[in-house]
C-alpha atoms as a PDB file:
ATOM      1  CA  MET A   1      35.889 -27.680  22.489  1.00  0.00           C
ATOM      2  CA  ILE A   2      37.481 -27.984  25.773  1.00  0.00           C
ATOM      3  CA  ALA A   3      41.464 -28.084  26.553  1.00  0.00           C
ATOM      4  CA  VAL A   4      42.289 -29.985  29.456  1.00  0.00           C
ATOM      5  CA  ARG A   5      45.881 -31.044  31.287  1.00  0.00           C
ATOM      6  CA  ILE A   6      45.985 -34.152  32.553  1.00  0.00           C
ATOM      7  CA  ALA A   7      46.869 -34.700  36.391  1.00  0.00           C
ATOM      8  CA  GLY A   8      50.869 -35.757  36.792  1.00  0.00           C
ATOM      9  CA  TYR A   9      51.368 -35.329  33.248  1.00  0.00           C
ATOM     10  CA  GLU A  10      55.276 -34.853  34.570  1.00  0.00           C
ATOM     11  CA  GLU A  11      55.868 -38.521  35.273  1.00  0.00           C
ATOM     12  CA  LEU A  12      53.855 -40.364  32.618  1.00  0.00           C
ATOM     13  CA  ASP A  13      54.941 -41.328  29.098  1.00  0.00           C
ATOM     14  CA  GLU A  14      53.009 -39.492  25.584  1.00  0.00           C
ATOM     15  CA  GLU A  15      51.306 -43.296  25.143  1.00  0.00           C
ATOM     16  CA  THR A  16      49.472 -43.711  28.560  1.00  0.00           C
ATOM     17  CA  LEU A  17      48.636 -40.020  28.401  1.00  0.00           C
ATOM     18  CA  HIS A  18      47.056 -40.215  25.423  1.00  0.00           C
ATOM     19  CA  GLN A  19      45.229 -43.617  26.254  1.00  0.00           C
ATOM     20  CA  ARG A  20      43.905 -41.438  29.678  1.00  0.00           C
ATOM     21  CA  ALA A  21      42.588 -38.682  27.458  1.00  0.00           C
ATOM     22  CA  GLN A  22      40.989 -41.598  26.145  1.00  0.00           C
ATOM     23  CA  ASN A  23      40.042 -42.785  28.576  1.00  0.00           C
ATOM     24  CA  LEU A  24      38.690 -39.642  30.002  1.00  0.00           C
ATOM     25  CA  ALA A  25      36.701 -38.352  27.082  1.00  0.00           C
ATOM     26  CA  ILE A  26      34.908 -41.901  26.982  1.00  0.00           C
ATOM     27  CA  GLU A  27      34.013 -41.600  30.755  1.00  0.00           C
ATOM     28  CA  HIS A  28      32.406 -38.101  29.916  1.00  0.00           C
ATOM     29  CA  GLY A  29      30.988 -38.516  26.381  1.00  0.00           C
ATOM     30  CA  LEU A  30      33.418 -36.431  25.045  1.00  0.00           C
ATOM     31  CA  GLU A  31      35.722 -36.812  21.569  1.00  0.00           C
ATOM     32  CA  LEU A  32      39.073 -36.613  21.948  1.00  0.00           C
ATOM     33  CA  VAL A  33      40.067 -34.006  19.618  1.00  0.00           C
ATOM     34  CA  ARG A  34      43.998 -33.726  19.516  1.00  0.00           C
ATOM     35  CA  GLN A  35      46.917 -32.896  22.272  1.00  0.00           C
ATOM     36  CA  VAL A  36      47.418 -29.477  21.798  1.00  0.00           C
ATOM     37  CA  GLY A  37      50.638 -28.960  19.979  1.00  0.00           C
ATOM     38  CA  GLN A  38      53.719 -30.141  21.489  1.00  0.00           C
ATOM     39  CA  LEU A  39      52.636 -29.442  25.193  1.00  0.00           C
ATOM     40  CA  LYS A  40      52.656 -32.768  26.891  1.00  0.00           C
ATOM     41  CA  GLY A  41      49.749 -33.575  29.019  1.00  0.00           C
ATOM     42  CA  TYR A  42      47.407 -31.149  27.095  1.00  0.00           C
ATOM     43  CA  TYR A  43      44.129 -32.400  25.147  1.00  0.00           C
ATOM     44  CA  VAL A  44      41.374 -30.653  23.601  1.00  0.00           C
ATOM     45  CA  PHE A  45      38.248 -32.641  23.742  1.00  0.00           C
ATOM     46  CA  LYS A  46      34.852 -31.970  21.729  1.00  0.00           C
ATOM     47  CA  GLY A  47      31.364 -32.323  22.782  1.00  0.00           C
ATOM     48  CA  ASP A  48      28.349 -33.729  20.762  1.00  0.00           C
ATOM     49  CA  THR A  49      28.123 -30.887  17.809  1.00  0.00           C
ATOM     50  CA  SER A  50      25.779 -33.491  15.416  1.00  0.00           C
ATOM     51  CA  SER A  51      22.644 -31.943  16.309  1.00  0.00           C
ATOM     52  CA  LEU A  52      20.846 -29.147  13.540  1.00  0.00           C
ATOM     53  CA  LEU A  53      19.536 -25.804  14.473  1.00  0.00           C
ATOM     54  CA  ASP A  54      16.295 -25.126  13.465  1.00  0.00           C
ATOM     55  CA  GLU A  55      16.144 -21.695  12.811  1.00  0.00           C
ATOM     56  CA  ASN A  56      12.904 -20.914  14.850  1.00  0.00           C
ATOM     57  CA  ASP A  57      14.796 -22.612  18.096  1.00  0.00           C
ATOM     58  CA  ILE A  58      17.860 -21.162  17.222  1.00  0.00           C
ATOM     59  CA  GLY A  59      18.210 -19.275  20.118  1.00  0.00           C
ATOM     60  CA  ASN A  60      17.155 -21.682  23.151  1.00  0.00           C
ATOM     61  CA  GLU A  61      19.513 -24.293  21.401  1.00  0.00           C
ATOM     62  CA  LEU A  62      22.333 -22.098  21.572  1.00  0.00           C
ATOM     63  CA  GLU A  63      21.045 -21.997  25.743  1.00  0.00           C
ATOM     64  CA  ARG A  64      20.982 -25.344  25.722  1.00  0.00           C
ATOM     65  CA  ARG A  65      24.338 -25.749  24.059  1.00  0.00           C
ATOM     66  CA  GLN A  66      25.927 -23.476  26.387  1.00  0.00           C
ATOM     67  CA  ASN A  67      24.623 -25.168  29.354  1.00  0.00           C
ATOM     68  CA  ARG A  68      25.938 -28.601  27.804  1.00  0.00           C
ATOM     69  CA  ILE A  69      29.571 -26.867  27.789  1.00  0.00           C
ATOM     70  CA  SER A  70      29.142 -25.753  31.042  1.00  0.00           C
ATOM     71  CA  ARG A  71      28.757 -29.085  32.932  1.00  0.00           C
ATOM     72  CA  ASN A  72      30.972 -30.871  30.771  1.00  0.00           C
ATOM     73  CA  VAL A  73      33.571 -28.189  32.083  1.00  0.00           C
ATOM     74  CA  LYS A  74      32.273 -28.674  35.831  1.00  0.00           C
ATOM     75  CA  ARG A  75      32.544 -32.289  35.715  1.00  0.00           C
ATOM     76  CA  LEU A  76      36.477 -32.591  33.984  1.00  0.00           C
ATOM     77  CA  SER A  77      36.974 -30.025  36.981  1.00  0.00           C
ATOM     78  CA  ASP A  78      35.792 -32.072  39.674  1.00  0.00           C
ATOM     79  CA  ASN A  79      37.532 -35.415  38.452  1.00  0.00           C
ATOM     80  CA  PRO A  80      40.620 -35.846  40.246  1.00  0.00           C
ATOM     81  CA  ASN A  81      42.756 -36.572  36.845  1.00  0.00           C
ATOM     82  CA  ILE A  82      42.702 -33.402  34.793  1.00  0.00           C
ATOM     83  CA  ASP A  83      44.509 -30.254  36.717  1.00  0.00           C
ATOM     84  CA  TRP A  84      43.527 -28.100  34.646  1.00  0.00           C
ATOM     85  CA  VAL A  85      40.316 -27.295  32.246  1.00  0.00           C
ATOM     86  CA  GLU A  86      39.327 -24.177  30.235  1.00  0.00           C
ATOM     87  CA  HIS A  87      36.255 -24.017  27.374  1.00  0.00           C
ATOM     88  CA  GLN A  88      38.120 -22.879  24.367  1.00  0.00           C
ATOM     89  CA  LYS A  89      36.174 -19.948  22.952  1.00  0.00           C
ATOM     90  CA  PRO A  90      36.952 -19.404  19.541  1.00  0.00           C
ATOM     91  CA  LEU A  91      37.828 -15.802  18.582  1.00  0.00           C
ATOM     92  CA  ALA A  92      36.920 -13.948  15.169  1.00  0.00           C
ATOM     93  CA  ARG A  93      39.444 -12.258  13.425  1.00  0.00           C
ATOM     94  CA  LYS A  94      39.050  -9.722  11.480  1.00  0.00           C
ATOM     95  CA  LYS A  95      41.699  -7.449   9.283  1.00  0.00           C
ATOM     96  CA  ARG A  96      41.267  -3.157   9.794  1.00  0.00           C
ATOM     97  CA  ASP A  97      39.652  -1.722   6.493  1.00  0.00           C
ATOM     98  CA  THR A  98      41.879   0.846   5.178  1.00  0.00           C
ATOM     99  CA  PHE A  99      40.272   4.239   4.786  1.00  0.00           C
ATOM    100  CA  GLU A 100      40.025   6.095   1.228  1.00  0.00           C
ATOM    101  CA  PRO A 101      38.016   9.266   1.441  1.00  0.00           C
ATOM    102  CA  ASP A 102      35.683   9.599  -1.784  1.00  0.00           C
ATOM    103  CA  LEU A 103      37.182  12.946  -2.836  1.00  0.00           C
ATOM    104  CA  SER A 104      34.753  13.112  -5.802  1.00  0.00           C
ATOM    105  CA  TYR A 105      32.463  16.184  -5.155  1.00  0.00           C
ATOM    106  CA  LEU A 106      35.318  17.885  -3.992  1.00  0.00           C
ATOM    107  CA  THR A 107      35.356  20.814  -6.560  1.00  0.00           C
ATOM    108  CA  PHE A 108      37.846  22.973  -6.872  1.00  0.00           C
ATOM    109  CA  THR A 109      37.666  26.367  -9.068  1.00  0.00           C
ATOM    110  CA  ASP A 110      41.526  27.941  -8.407  1.00  0.00           C
ATOM    111  CA  PRO A 111      42.094  28.042 -11.630  1.00  0.00           C
ATOM    112  CA  ASN A 112      45.623  28.121 -10.373  1.00  0.00           C
ATOM    113  CA  PHE A 113      45.580  24.668  -8.402  1.00  0.00           C
ATOM    114  CA  ALA A 114      47.289  22.814 -10.530  1.00  0.00           C
ATOM    115  CA  ASP A 115      50.122  24.789 -10.937  1.00  0.00           C
ATOM    116  CA  GLN A 116      50.397  24.131  -6.986  1.00  0.00           C
ATOM    117  CA  TRP A 117      52.084  21.076  -6.870  1.00  0.00           C
ATOM    118  CA  HIS A 118      52.973  21.172  -2.812  1.00  0.00           C
ATOM    119  CA  LEU A 119      48.744  21.508  -2.315  1.00  0.00           C
ATOM    120  CA  VAL A 120      48.144  18.105  -3.636  1.00  0.00           C
END
């Protein structure tokens, strides 16, 4: 995914901006995905992801895909109708695991341990 800001967005109405974004997507062989939230002039484009990965060719395909993305970003940044371009990289979020130590291997030989509530 590639995020862009249309040049001169401040002076344009929403319909004109959307049409300009659609034209830019077509011009660069990309798909217009959506406007970025309620941000006027900001849009997300997507490249062709229709090719399936062969498990023997995953490394080469990923490299080719990255090169394609870099070329698209470069071409978009060279376009005078675009102020700003950035490749959007998905970030993987992982919740921290809670740590509960396994204390089953501990054995207490103190016969009064059960009576020592402050140690528990």
